[in-house]
């Protein structure tokens, strides 16, 4: 073939190949973007359901238990309830007005998405209290404090699972802790001590004490909603039978495992530190007894360290144990 025509043909084939590769690349990118958008919509839909359920639960706790008996809770919601008990000002209006500064703080301290969800949750709670009328369940003070706090705490916890909050105290605590170095828990504790002290003065000591019980009930419910019943534990195992430990965790516990390279530190000056493998895994509190029994069977002299873990993601944590 003539070299000129050969060059033309080669150029044409090269361009065809590049065009095909470009189309394939764009198709892959488009498919990846569609998949990402679907995952985002699915996640936000789930978060919206959490927030709506949280609004309904918190509204039920307020209208059916706390409001009729003039009990309060901690945080901004507690301040709103306290002002309502003293002045009869509408609670929905107070909830919105008192949380506006904290929504702004959330926008600056966290992100825009968090601030939008928080605004949606707080506005939804105000509308729920205004237009959804729940029946009064009981007037027994103990039941009111326990179950009112439980439903309010469940609402706050569900809203947090959805990516927002129903109470601006957490945002304030985050802001203060970043500025002053005080922990978030200490900030929330200080705010609530002030609120309950004010309740003891302007309402009564008895009401303040029942309100403290409401707050404790709400706090425990929030922890349960966010962390779940299965508290996670990180387990570090130091043993000469590393391989047997690894296989036991994978095959009998059905959990993932990580191996660290380490050295034994118990030695005199000048002595060589012996290298060894260190096993790390994450289990639930319900599996402690089984794991300890298996470790005891393999190596009674194994050194085991367990520590609490707030949350985990990925791996084999949420999978069922493997079956033999």
C-alpha atoms as a PDB file:
ATOM      1  CA  UNK A   1       0.000   0.000   0.000  1.00  0.00           C
ATOM      2  CA  UNK A   2       1.106   3.535  -0.732  1.00  0.00           C
ATOM      3  CA  UNK A   3       2.769   5.042   2.367  1.00  0.00           C
ATOM      4  CA  UNK A   4       0.508   8.117   2.130  1.00  0.00           C
ATOM      5  CA  UNK A   5      -2.676   6.049   2.102  1.00  0.00           C
ATOM      6  CA  UNK A   6      -1.258   3.814   4.865  1.00  0.00           C
ATOM      7  CA  UNK A   7      -0.696   6.909   6.986  1.00  0.00           C
ATOM      8  CA  UNK A   8      -4.233   8.118   6.335  1.00  0.00           C
ATOM      9  CA  UNK A   9      -5.682   4.735   7.273  1.00  0.00           C
ATOM     10  CA  UNK A  10      -3.571   4.563  10.459  1.00  0.00           C
ATOM     11  CA  UNK A  11      -4.629   8.089  11.436  1.00  0.00           C
ATOM     12  CA  UNK A  12      -8.288   7.198  10.849  1.00  0.00           C
ATOM     13  CA  UNK A  13      -8.018   4.013  12.942  1.00  0.00           C
ATOM     14  CA  UNK A  14      -6.188   5.886  15.695  1.00  0.00           C
ATOM     15  CA  UNK A  15      -8.903   8.529  15.841  1.00  0.00           C
ATOM     16  CA  UNK A  16     -11.599   5.866  15.879  1.00  0.00           C
ATOM     17  CA  UNK A  17      -9.881   4.128  18.762  1.00  0.00           C
ATOM     18  CA  UNK A  18      -9.524   7.360  20.742  1.00  0.00           C
ATOM     19  CA  UNK A  19     -13.153   8.240  20.030  1.00  0.00           C
ATOM     20  CA  UNK A  20     -14.282   4.825  21.281  1.00  0.00           C
ATOM     21  CA  UNK A  21     -12.163   5.153  24.416  1.00  0.00           C
ATOM     22  CA  UNK A  22     -13.540   8.661  25.029  1.00  0.00           C
ATOM     23  CA  UNK A  23     -17.139   7.463  24.657  1.00  0.00           C
ATOM     24  CA  UNK A  24     -16.458   4.546  26.993  1.00  0.00           C
ATOM     25  CA  UNK A  25     -14.867   6.879  29.529  1.00  0.00           C
ATOM     26  CA  UNK A  26     -17.809   9.284  29.389  1.00  0.00           C
ATOM     27  CA  UNK A  27     -20.243   6.384  29.708  1.00  0.00           C
ATOM     28  CA  UNK A  28     -18.399   5.075  32.758  1.00  0.00           C
ATOM     29  CA  UNK A  29     -18.269   8.549  34.324  1.00  0.00           C
ATOM     30  CA  UNK A  30     -21.964   9.102  33.624  1.00  0.00           C
ATOM     31  CA  UNK A  31     -22.894   5.726  35.115  1.00  0.00           C
ATOM     32  CA  UNK A  32     -20.743   6.424  38.171  1.00  0.00           C
ATOM     33  CA  UNK A  33     -22.370   9.831  38.630  1.00  0.00           C
ATOM     34  CA  UNK A  34     -25.863   8.329  38.311  1.00  0.00           C
ATOM     35  CA  UNK A  35     -24.964   5.713  40.926  1.00  0.00           C
ATOM     36  CA  UNK A  36     -23.631   8.400  43.237  1.00  0.00           C
ATOM     37  CA  UNK A  37     -26.771  10.502  42.812  1.00  0.00           C
ATOM     38  CA  UNK A  38     -29.000   7.518  43.535  1.00  0.00           C
ATOM     39  CA  UNK A  39     -27.046   6.727  46.700  1.00  0.00           C
ATOM     40  CA  UNK A  40     -27.305  10.381  47.769  1.00  0.00           C
ATOM     41  CA  UNK A  41     -31.077  10.499  47.186  1.00  0.00           C
ATOM     42  CA  UNK A  42     -31.556   7.210  49.035  1.00  0.00           C
ATOM     43  CA  UNK A  43     -29.481   8.425  51.980  1.00  0.00           C
ATOM     44  CA  UNK A  44     -31.261  11.777  52.194  1.00  0.00           C
ATOM     45  CA  UNK A  45     -34.666  10.107  51.939  1.00  0.00           C
ATOM     46  CA  UNK A  46     -33.752   7.834  54.849  1.00  0.00           C
ATOM     47  CA  UNK A  47     -32.485  10.825  56.830  1.00  0.00           C
ATOM     48  CA  UNK A  48     -35.734  12.694  56.168  1.00  0.00           C
ATOM     49  CA  UNK A  49     -37.732   9.732  57.483  1.00  0.00           C
ATOM     50  CA  UNK A  50     -35.605   9.710  60.651  1.00  0.00           C
ATOM     51  CA  UNK A  51     -36.183  13.433  61.184  1.00  0.00           C
ATOM     52  CA  UNK A  52     -39.956  13.176  60.590  1.00  0.00           C
ATOM     53  CA  UNK A  53     -40.244  10.260  63.025  1.00  0.00           C
ATOM     54  CA  UNK A  54     -38.166  12.250  65.511  1.00  0.00           C
ATOM     55  CA  UNK A  55     -40.506  15.237  65.194  1.00  0.00           C
ATOM     56  CA  UNK A  56     -43.579  13.070  65.804  1.00  0.00           C
ATOM     57  CA  UNK A  57     -41.992  11.321  68.800  1.00  0.00           C
ATOM     58  CA  UNK A  58     -40.800  14.569  70.405  1.00  0.00           C
ATOM     59  CA  UNK A  59     -44.197  16.160  69.796  1.00  0.00           C
ATOM     60  CA  UNK A  60     -45.895  13.226  71.496  1.00  0.00           C
ATOM     61  CA  UNK A  61     -43.576  13.445  74.495  1.00  0.00           C
ATOM     62  CA  UNK A  62     -44.192  17.175  74.867  1.00  0.00           C
ATOM     63  CA  UNK A  63     -47.964  17.306  74.353  1.00  0.00           C
ATOM     64  CA  UNK A  64     -48.999  14.052  76.004  1.00  0.00           C
ATOM     65  CA  UNK A  65     -46.682  14.182  79.012  1.00  0.00           C
ATOM     66  CA  UNK A  66     -44.593  17.282  79.722  1.00  0.00           C
ATOM     67  CA  UNK A  67     -46.720  20.276  78.728  1.00  0.00           C
ATOM     68  CA  UNK A  68     -49.927  19.338  80.619  1.00  0.00           C
ATOM     69  CA  UNK A  69     -47.926  18.773  83.810  1.00  0.00           C
ATOM     70  CA  UNK A  70     -45.575  21.786  83.376  1.00  0.00           C
ATOM     71  CA  UNK A  71     -42.465  19.616  83.431  1.00  0.00           C
ATOM     72  CA  UNK A  72     -39.330  20.736  81.621  1.00  0.00           C
ATOM     73  CA  UNK A  73     -36.313  19.126  80.024  1.00  0.00           C
ATOM     74  CA  UNK A  74     -32.759  20.310  79.541  1.00  0.00           C
ATOM     75  CA  UNK A  75     -31.367  22.445  76.751  1.00  0.00           C
ATOM     76  CA  UNK A  76     -33.189  24.961  74.585  1.00  0.00           C
ATOM     77  CA  UNK A  77     -36.349  22.856  74.758  1.00  0.00           C
ATOM     78  CA  UNK A  78     -36.208  23.074  78.548  1.00  0.00           C
ATOM     79  CA  UNK A  79     -35.804  26.860  78.430  1.00  0.00           C
ATOM     80  CA  UNK A  80     -38.790  27.092  76.076  1.00  0.00           C
ATOM     81  CA  UNK A  81     -40.897  24.904  78.389  1.00  0.00           C
ATOM     82  CA  UNK A  82     -39.850  26.972  81.404  1.00  0.00           C
ATOM     83  CA  UNK A  83     -40.814  30.264  79.756  1.00  0.00           C
ATOM     84  CA  UNK A  84     -44.109  28.763  78.594  1.00  0.00           C
ATOM     85  CA  UNK A  85     -44.904  27.576  82.128  1.00  0.00           C
ATOM     86  CA  UNK A  86     -44.259  31.080  83.496  1.00  0.00           C
ATOM     87  CA  UNK A  87     -45.771  33.285  80.791  1.00  0.00           C
ATOM     88  CA  UNK A  88     -48.124  31.063  78.759  1.00  0.00           C
ATOM     89  CA  UNK A  89     -46.324  32.206  75.614  1.00  0.00           C
ATOM     90  CA  UNK A  90     -46.803  29.732  72.743  1.00  0.00           C
ATOM     91  CA  UNK A  91     -44.208  26.981  72.892  1.00  0.00           C
ATOM     92  CA  UNK A  92     -43.844  26.578  69.081  1.00  0.00           C
ATOM     93  CA  UNK A  93     -42.866  30.232  68.705  1.00  0.00           C
ATOM     94  CA  UNK A  94     -40.353  30.006  71.545  1.00  0.00           C
ATOM     95  CA  UNK A  95     -38.776  26.847  70.122  1.00  0.00           C
ATOM     96  CA  UNK A  96     -38.196  28.551  66.773  1.00  0.00           C
ATOM     97  CA  UNK A  97     -37.001  31.903  68.149  1.00  0.00           C
ATOM     98  CA  UNK A  98     -34.622  30.484  70.752  1.00  0.00           C
ATOM     99  CA  UNK A  99     -33.055  28.056  68.256  1.00  0.00           C
ATOM    100  CA  UNK A 100     -32.393  30.613  65.490  1.00  0.00           C
ATOM    101  CA  UNK A 101     -28.963  31.643  66.874  1.00  0.00           C
ATOM    102  CA  UNK A 102     -27.945  28.005  67.168  1.00  0.00           C
ATOM    103  CA  UNK A 103     -29.000  27.265  63.588  1.00  0.00           C
ATOM    104  CA  UNK A 104     -26.700  30.109  62.527  1.00  0.00           C
ATOM    105  CA  UNK A 105     -23.919  28.652  64.678  1.00  0.00           C
ATOM    106  CA  UNK A 106     -24.495  25.252  63.078  1.00  0.00           C
ATOM    107  CA  UNK A 107     -24.149  26.822  59.647  1.00  0.00           C
ATOM    108  CA  UNK A 108     -20.763  28.304  60.616  1.00  0.00           C
ATOM    109  CA  UNK A 109     -19.426  25.535  62.850  1.00  0.00           C
ATOM    110  CA  UNK A 110     -20.626  22.386  61.035  1.00  0.00           C
ATOM    111  CA  UNK A 111     -21.941  22.848  57.490  1.00  0.00           C
ATOM    112  CA  UNK A 112     -24.864  24.129  55.456  1.00  0.00           C
ATOM    113  CA  UNK A 113     -26.513  20.708  55.137  1.00  0.00           C
ATOM    114  CA  UNK A 114     -26.561  20.266  58.922  1.00  0.00           C
ATOM    115  CA  UNK A 115     -28.015  23.753  59.426  1.00  0.00           C
ATOM    116  CA  UNK A 116     -30.750  23.111  56.847  1.00  0.00           C
ATOM    117  CA  UNK A 117     -31.735  19.791  58.443  1.00  0.00           C
ATOM    118  CA  UNK A 118     -31.738  21.373  61.894  1.00  0.00           C
ATOM    119  CA  UNK A 119     -33.957  24.197  60.654  1.00  0.00           C
ATOM    120  CA  UNK A 120     -36.295  21.665  59.042  1.00  0.00           C
ATOM    121  CA  UNK A 121     -36.440  19.575  62.245  1.00  0.00           C
ATOM    122  CA  UNK A 122     -37.094  22.545  64.558  1.00  0.00           C
ATOM    123  CA  UNK A 123     -39.713  24.074  62.260  1.00  0.00           C
ATOM    124  CA  UNK A 124     -41.337  20.654  61.910  1.00  0.00           C
ATOM    125  CA  UNK A 125     -41.492  20.255  65.694  1.00  0.00           C
ATOM    126  CA  UNK A 126     -43.131  23.670  66.048  1.00  0.00           C
ATOM    127  CA  UNK A 127     -45.723  22.798  63.390  1.00  0.00           C
ATOM    128  CA  UNK A 128     -46.316  19.403  64.993  1.00  0.00           C
ATOM    129  CA  UNK A 129     -47.032  20.975  68.375  1.00  0.00           C
ATOM    130  CA  UNK A 130     -49.344  23.515  66.729  1.00  0.00           C
ATOM    131  CA  UNK A 131     -51.394  21.317  64.418  1.00  0.00           C
ATOM    132  CA  UNK A 132     -51.052  17.721  65.692  1.00  0.00           C
ATOM    133  CA  UNK A 133     -53.092  17.223  68.857  1.00  0.00           C
ATOM    134  CA  UNK A 134     -51.986  14.271  70.981  1.00  0.00           C
ATOM    135  CA  UNK A 135     -54.097  12.941  73.867  1.00  0.00           C
ATOM    136  CA  UNK A 136     -52.957  13.384  77.470  1.00  0.00           C
ATOM    137  CA  UNK A 137     -51.804   9.929  78.518  1.00  0.00           C
ATOM    138  CA  UNK A 138     -51.321  10.258  82.294  1.00  0.00           C
ATOM    139  CA  UNK A 139     -50.955  12.755  85.110  1.00  0.00           C
ATOM    140  CA  UNK A 140     -48.806  10.532  87.321  1.00  0.00           C
ATOM    141  CA  UNK A 141     -45.631  12.552  87.890  1.00  0.00           C
ATOM    142  CA  UNK A 142     -43.241   9.624  87.802  1.00  0.00           C
ATOM    143  CA  UNK A 143     -44.713   8.231  84.588  1.00  0.00           C
ATOM    144  CA  UNK A 144     -44.758  11.698  83.044  1.00  0.00           C
ATOM    145  CA  UNK A 145     -41.077  12.317  83.808  1.00  0.00           C
ATOM    146  CA  UNK A 146     -39.881   8.896  82.651  1.00  0.00           C
ATOM    147  CA  UNK A 147     -41.982   8.374  79.533  1.00  0.00           C
ATOM    148  CA  UNK A 148     -42.132  12.022  78.556  1.00  0.00           C
ATOM    149  CA  UNK A 149     -38.344  12.121  78.642  1.00  0.00           C
ATOM    150  CA  UNK A 150     -38.139   8.820  76.763  1.00  0.00           C
ATOM    151  CA  UNK A 151     -40.327   9.992  73.864  1.00  0.00           C
ATOM    152  CA  UNK A 152     -38.596  13.374  73.734  1.00  0.00           C
ATOM    153  CA  UNK A 153     -35.192  11.690  73.818  1.00  0.00           C
ATOM    154  CA  UNK A 154     -36.239   9.270  71.090  1.00  0.00           C
ATOM    155  CA  UNK A 155     -37.257  12.245  68.956  1.00  0.00           C
ATOM    156  CA  UNK A 156     -33.944  14.010  69.499  1.00  0.00           C
ATOM    157  CA  UNK A 157     -32.001  10.805  68.824  1.00  0.00           C
ATOM    158  CA  UNK A 158     -33.884  10.065  65.597  1.00  0.00           C
ATOM    159  CA  UNK A 159     -33.310  13.621  64.388  1.00  0.00           C
ATOM    160  CA  UNK A 160     -29.589  13.211  65.109  1.00  0.00           C
ATOM    161  CA  UNK A 161     -29.594   9.947  63.152  1.00  0.00           C
ATOM    162  CA  UNK A 162     -31.055  11.965  60.306  1.00  0.00           C
ATOM    163  CA  UNK A 163     -28.219  14.488  60.390  1.00  0.00           C
ATOM    164  CA  UNK A 164     -29.877  17.330  62.323  1.00  0.00           C
ATOM    165  CA  UNK A 165     -30.845  18.245  65.865  1.00  0.00           C
ATOM    166  CA  UNK A 166     -34.072  19.268  67.591  1.00  0.00           C
ATOM    167  CA  UNK A 167     -32.259  21.233  70.282  1.00  0.00           C
ATOM    168  CA  UNK A 168     -29.557  23.844  69.770  1.00  0.00           C
ATOM    169  CA  UNK A 169     -27.687  23.034  72.984  1.00  0.00           C
ATOM    170  CA  UNK A 170     -25.423  20.545  71.182  1.00  0.00           C
ATOM    171  CA  UNK A 171     -24.413  23.226  68.660  1.00  0.00           C
ATOM    172  CA  UNK A 172     -23.676  25.698  71.471  1.00  0.00           C
ATOM    173  CA  UNK A 173     -21.606  23.073  73.287  1.00  0.00           C
ATOM    174  CA  UNK A 174     -19.597  22.399  70.129  1.00  0.00           C
ATOM    175  CA  UNK A 175     -18.928  26.107  69.643  1.00  0.00           C
ATOM    176  CA  UNK A 176     -17.889  26.730  73.266  1.00  0.00           C
ATOM    177  CA  UNK A 177     -15.663  23.647  73.361  1.00  0.00           C
ATOM    178  CA  UNK A 178     -13.802  24.818  70.254  1.00  0.00           C
ATOM    179  CA  UNK A 179     -13.294  28.299  71.677  1.00  0.00           C
ATOM    180  CA  UNK A 180     -12.440  27.456  75.284  1.00  0.00           C
ATOM    181  CA  UNK A 181     -11.244  23.847  75.378  1.00  0.00           C
ATOM    182  CA  UNK A 182     -14.075  22.742  77.689  1.00  0.00           C
ATOM    183  CA  UNK A 183     -15.543  19.403  76.700  1.00  0.00           C
ATOM    184  CA  UNK A 184     -18.964  19.239  75.035  1.00  0.00           C
ATOM    185  CA  UNK A 185     -20.349  17.145  77.896  1.00  0.00           C
ATOM    186  CA  UNK A 186     -19.240  19.743  80.460  1.00  0.00           C
ATOM    187  CA  UNK A 187     -20.894  22.563  78.517  1.00  0.00           C
ATOM    188  CA  UNK A 188     -24.201  20.681  78.299  1.00  0.00           C
ATOM    189  CA  UNK A 189     -24.000  19.828  81.998  1.00  0.00           C
ATOM    190  CA  UNK A 190     -23.411  23.487  82.972  1.00  0.00           C
ATOM    191  CA  UNK A 191     -26.313  24.686  80.821  1.00  0.00           C
ATOM    192  CA  UNK A 192     -28.678  22.107  82.291  1.00  0.00           C
ATOM    193  CA  UNK A 193     -27.616  22.838  85.884  1.00  0.00           C
ATOM    194  CA  UNK A 194     -28.536  26.491  85.292  1.00  0.00           C
ATOM    195  CA  UNK A 195     -31.891  25.536  83.754  1.00  0.00           C
ATOM    196  CA  UNK A 196     -32.891  23.143  86.547  1.00  0.00           C
ATOM    197  CA  UNK A 197     -31.745  25.590  89.218  1.00  0.00           C
ATOM    198  CA  UNK A 198     -33.967  28.230  87.661  1.00  0.00           C
ATOM    199  CA  UNK A 199     -36.843  25.730  87.584  1.00  0.00           C
ATOM    200  CA  UNK A 200     -36.366  25.013  91.281  1.00  0.00           C
ATOM    201  CA  UNK A 201     -36.607  28.742  92.056  1.00  0.00           C
ATOM    202  CA  UNK A 202     -39.499  29.810  89.813  1.00  0.00           C
ATOM    203  CA  UNK A 203     -41.539  26.582  89.801  1.00  0.00           C
ATOM    204  CA  UNK A 204     -40.764  24.282  92.717  1.00  0.00           C
ATOM    205  CA  UNK A 205     -38.012  22.010  93.926  1.00  0.00           C
ATOM    206  CA  UNK A 206     -40.244  18.978  93.329  1.00  0.00           C
ATOM    207  CA  UNK A 207     -40.890  19.969  89.718  1.00  0.00           C
ATOM    208  CA  UNK A 208     -37.174  20.576  89.192  1.00  0.00           C
ATOM    209  CA  UNK A 209     -36.316  17.135  90.560  1.00  0.00           C
ATOM    210  CA  UNK A 210     -38.878  15.451  88.330  1.00  0.00           C
ATOM    211  CA  UNK A 211     -37.480  17.468  85.419  1.00  0.00           C
ATOM    212  CA  UNK A 212     -34.008  16.155  86.191  1.00  0.00           C
ATOM    213  CA  UNK A 213     -35.472  12.663  85.967  1.00  0.00           C
ATOM    214  CA  UNK A 214     -37.010  13.639  82.617  1.00  0.00           C
ATOM    215  CA  UNK A 215     -33.624  14.808  81.387  1.00  0.00           C
ATOM    216  CA  UNK A 216     -31.908  11.587  82.491  1.00  0.00           C
ATOM    217  CA  UNK A 217     -34.571   9.500  80.768  1.00  0.00           C
ATOM    218  CA  UNK A 218     -34.192  11.549  77.593  1.00  0.00           C
ATOM    219  CA  UNK A 219     -30.378  11.274  77.677  1.00  0.00           C
ATOM    220  CA  UNK A 220     -30.421   7.491  78.052  1.00  0.00           C
ATOM    221  CA  UNK A 221     -32.940   7.176  75.233  1.00  0.00           C
ATOM    222  CA  UNK A 222     -30.796   9.349  72.976  1.00  0.00           C
ATOM    223  CA  UNK A 223     -27.780   7.120  73.674  1.00  0.00           C
ATOM    224  CA  UNK A 224     -29.856   4.024  72.913  1.00  0.00           C
ATOM    225  CA  UNK A 225     -31.194   5.447  69.624  1.00  0.00           C
ATOM    226  CA  UNK A 226     -27.791   6.612  68.413  1.00  0.00           C
ATOM    227  CA  UNK A 227     -25.547   3.786  69.632  1.00  0.00           C
ATOM    228  CA  UNK A 228     -28.037   0.916  69.654  1.00  0.00           C
ATOM    229  CA  UNK A 229     -28.177  -2.054  71.987  1.00  0.00           C
ATOM    230  CA  UNK A 230     -24.923  -3.543  70.708  1.00  0.00           C
ATOM    231  CA  UNK A 231     -22.109  -1.489  72.211  1.00  0.00           C
ATOM    232  CA  UNK A 232     -18.855  -2.148  70.388  1.00  0.00           C
ATOM    233  CA  UNK A 233     -15.588  -3.135  72.025  1.00  0.00           C
ATOM    234  CA  UNK A 234     -12.116  -2.978  70.551  1.00  0.00           C
ATOM    235  CA  UNK A 235     -10.135  -6.043  71.635  1.00  0.00           C
ATOM    236  CA  UNK A 236      -6.329  -6.239  71.506  1.00  0.00           C
ATOM    237  CA  UNK A 237      -4.818  -9.697  72.037  1.00  0.00           C
ATOM    238  CA  UNK A 238      -1.118 -10.268  72.709  1.00  0.00           C
ATOM    239  CA  UNK A 239      -0.239 -13.954  72.530  1.00  0.00           C
ATOM    240  CA  UNK A 240       2.377 -16.314  71.150  1.00  0.00           C
ATOM    241  CA  UNK A 241      -0.461 -18.164  69.374  1.00  0.00           C
ATOM    242  CA  UNK A 242      -1.284 -15.323  66.983  1.00  0.00           C
ATOM    243  CA  UNK A 243      -2.301 -17.476  64.036  1.00  0.00           C
ATOM    244  CA  UNK A 244      -4.696 -19.577  66.099  1.00  0.00           C
ATOM    245  CA  UNK A 245      -6.239 -16.403  67.536  1.00  0.00           C
ATOM    246  CA  UNK A 246      -6.649 -14.955  64.042  1.00  0.00           C
ATOM    247  CA  UNK A 247      -8.372 -18.060  62.698  1.00  0.00           C
ATOM    248  CA  UNK A 248     -10.591 -18.315  65.784  1.00  0.00           C
ATOM    249  CA  UNK A 249     -11.833 -14.732  65.370  1.00  0.00           C
ATOM    250  CA  UNK A 250     -12.529 -15.224  61.663  1.00  0.00           C
ATOM    251  CA  UNK A 251     -14.033 -18.708  61.751  1.00  0.00           C
ATOM    252  CA  UNK A 252     -15.742 -18.938  65.148  1.00  0.00           C
ATOM    253  CA  UNK A 253     -16.550 -15.318  65.924  1.00  0.00           C
ATOM    254  CA  UNK A 254     -17.274 -14.312  62.334  1.00  0.00           C
ATOM    255  CA  UNK A 255     -15.429 -11.011  62.743  1.00  0.00           C
ATOM    256  CA  UNK A 256     -12.720  -9.159  60.890  1.00  0.00           C
ATOM    257  CA  UNK A 257      -9.225  -9.005  62.338  1.00  0.00           C
ATOM    258  CA  UNK A 258      -6.142  -6.816  61.949  1.00  0.00           C
ATOM    259  CA  UNK A 259      -2.572  -7.891  62.695  1.00  0.00           C
ATOM    260  CA  UNK A 260      -0.080  -5.328  64.043  1.00  0.00           C
ATOM    261  CA  UNK A 261       3.672  -5.766  64.091  1.00  0.00           C
ATOM    262  CA  UNK A 262       5.003  -5.198  67.605  1.00  0.00           C
ATOM    263  CA  UNK A 263       7.783  -5.989  70.038  1.00  0.00           C
ATOM    264  CA  UNK A 264       7.756  -7.297  73.570  1.00  0.00           C
ATOM    265  CA  UNK A 265       8.840  -4.444  75.827  1.00  0.00           C
ATOM    266  CA  UNK A 266       9.553  -6.412  79.004  1.00  0.00           C
ATOM    267  CA  UNK A 267      13.333  -6.777  78.863  1.00  0.00           C
ATOM    268  CA  UNK A 268      16.429  -5.533  80.636  1.00  0.00           C
ATOM    269  CA  UNK A 269      18.727  -2.907  79.218  1.00  0.00           C
ATOM    270  CA  UNK A 270      20.769  -4.274  76.337  1.00  0.00           C
ATOM    271  CA  UNK A 271      18.559  -7.319  75.773  1.00  0.00           C
ATOM    272  CA  UNK A 272      16.990  -7.812  72.375  1.00  0.00           C
ATOM    273  CA  UNK A 273      13.263  -7.079  72.100  1.00  0.00           C
ATOM    274  CA  UNK A 274      11.478  -9.991  70.488  1.00  0.00           C
ATOM    275  CA  UNK A 275       9.142  -9.173  67.599  1.00  0.00           C
ATOM    276  CA  UNK A 276       5.616 -10.529  67.671  1.00  0.00           C
ATOM    277  CA  UNK A 277       2.212 -10.068  66.033  1.00  0.00           C
ATOM    278  CA  UNK A 278      -0.609  -8.292  67.875  1.00  0.00           C
ATOM    279  CA  UNK A 279      -4.219  -9.169  67.077  1.00  0.00           C
ATOM    280  CA  UNK A 280      -6.958  -6.531  67.027  1.00  0.00           C
ATOM    281  CA  UNK A 281     -10.677  -7.031  66.429  1.00  0.00           C
ATOM    282  CA  UNK A 282     -14.017  -5.362  67.192  1.00  0.00           C
ATOM    283  CA  UNK A 283     -16.916  -7.250  68.763  1.00  0.00           C
ATOM    284  CA  UNK A 284     -20.173  -6.411  70.502  1.00  0.00           C
ATOM    285  CA  UNK A 285     -20.624  -6.548  74.262  1.00  0.00           C
ATOM    286  CA  UNK A 286     -22.897  -9.557  73.820  1.00  0.00           C
ATOM    287  CA  UNK A 287     -19.958 -11.570  72.433  1.00  0.00           C
ATOM    288  CA  UNK A 288     -17.491 -10.991  75.282  1.00  0.00           C
ATOM    289  CA  UNK A 289     -18.168 -14.286  77.041  1.00  0.00           C
ATOM    290  CA  UNK A 290     -17.733 -16.328  73.878  1.00  0.00           C
ATOM    291  CA  UNK A 291     -14.502 -14.546  72.929  1.00  0.00           C
ATOM    292  CA  UNK A 292     -13.021 -14.954  76.411  1.00  0.00           C
ATOM    293  CA  UNK A 293     -13.835 -18.663  76.381  1.00  0.00           C
ATOM    294  CA  UNK A 294     -12.119 -19.137  73.026  1.00  0.00           C
ATOM    295  CA  UNK A 295      -9.054 -17.141  74.100  1.00  0.00           C
ATOM    296  CA  UNK A 296      -8.833 -19.187  77.303  1.00  0.00           C
ATOM    297  CA  UNK A 297      -8.959 -22.394  75.281  1.00  0.00           C
ATOM    298  CA  UNK A 298      -6.104 -21.301  72.998  1.00  0.00           C
ATOM    299  CA  UNK A 299      -3.813 -19.461  75.413  1.00  0.00           C
ATOM    300  CA  UNK A 300      -4.503 -18.928  79.104  1.00  0.00           C
ATOM    301  CA  UNK A 301      -1.546 -16.544  79.376  1.00  0.00           C
ATOM    302  CA  UNK A 302      -2.765 -14.219  76.606  1.00  0.00           C
ATOM    303  CA  UNK A 303      -2.837 -10.521  77.485  1.00  0.00           C
ATOM    304  CA  UNK A 304      -6.191  -9.017  76.449  1.00  0.00           C
ATOM    305  CA  UNK A 305      -7.180  -5.327  76.453  1.00  0.00           C
ATOM    306  CA  UNK A 306     -10.784  -4.233  75.800  1.00  0.00           C
ATOM    307  CA  UNK A 307     -11.963  -0.679  75.233  1.00  0.00           C
ATOM    308  CA  UNK A 308     -15.332   0.845  74.334  1.00  0.00           C
ATOM    309  CA  UNK A 309     -15.926   2.131  70.814  1.00  0.00           C
ATOM    310  CA  UNK A 310     -18.697   4.641  70.090  1.00  0.00           C
ATOM    311  CA  UNK A 311     -19.367   3.680  66.494  1.00  0.00           C
ATOM    312  CA  UNK A 312     -17.969   1.670  63.592  1.00  0.00           C
ATOM    313  CA  UNK A 313     -18.346   1.641  59.830  1.00  0.00           C
ATOM    314  CA  UNK A 314     -17.594  -1.014  57.260  1.00  0.00           C
ATOM    315  CA  UNK A 315     -15.779  -4.274  57.794  1.00  0.00           C
ATOM    316  CA  UNK A 316     -17.552  -7.323  59.209  1.00  0.00           C
ATOM    317  CA  UNK A 317     -19.020  -5.678  62.317  1.00  0.00           C
ATOM    318  CA  UNK A 318     -22.661  -5.724  61.305  1.00  0.00           C
ATOM    319  CA  UNK A 319     -22.559  -9.094  59.568  1.00  0.00           C
ATOM    320  CA  UNK A 320     -23.854 -12.239  61.187  1.00  0.00           C
ATOM    321  CA  UNK A 321     -21.224 -14.659  62.513  1.00  0.00           C
ATOM    322  CA  UNK A 322     -20.078 -17.255  59.983  1.00  0.00           C
ATOM    323  CA  UNK A 323     -21.711 -20.644  60.196  1.00  0.00           C
ATOM    324  CA  UNK A 324     -19.680 -23.890  60.199  1.00  0.00           C
END
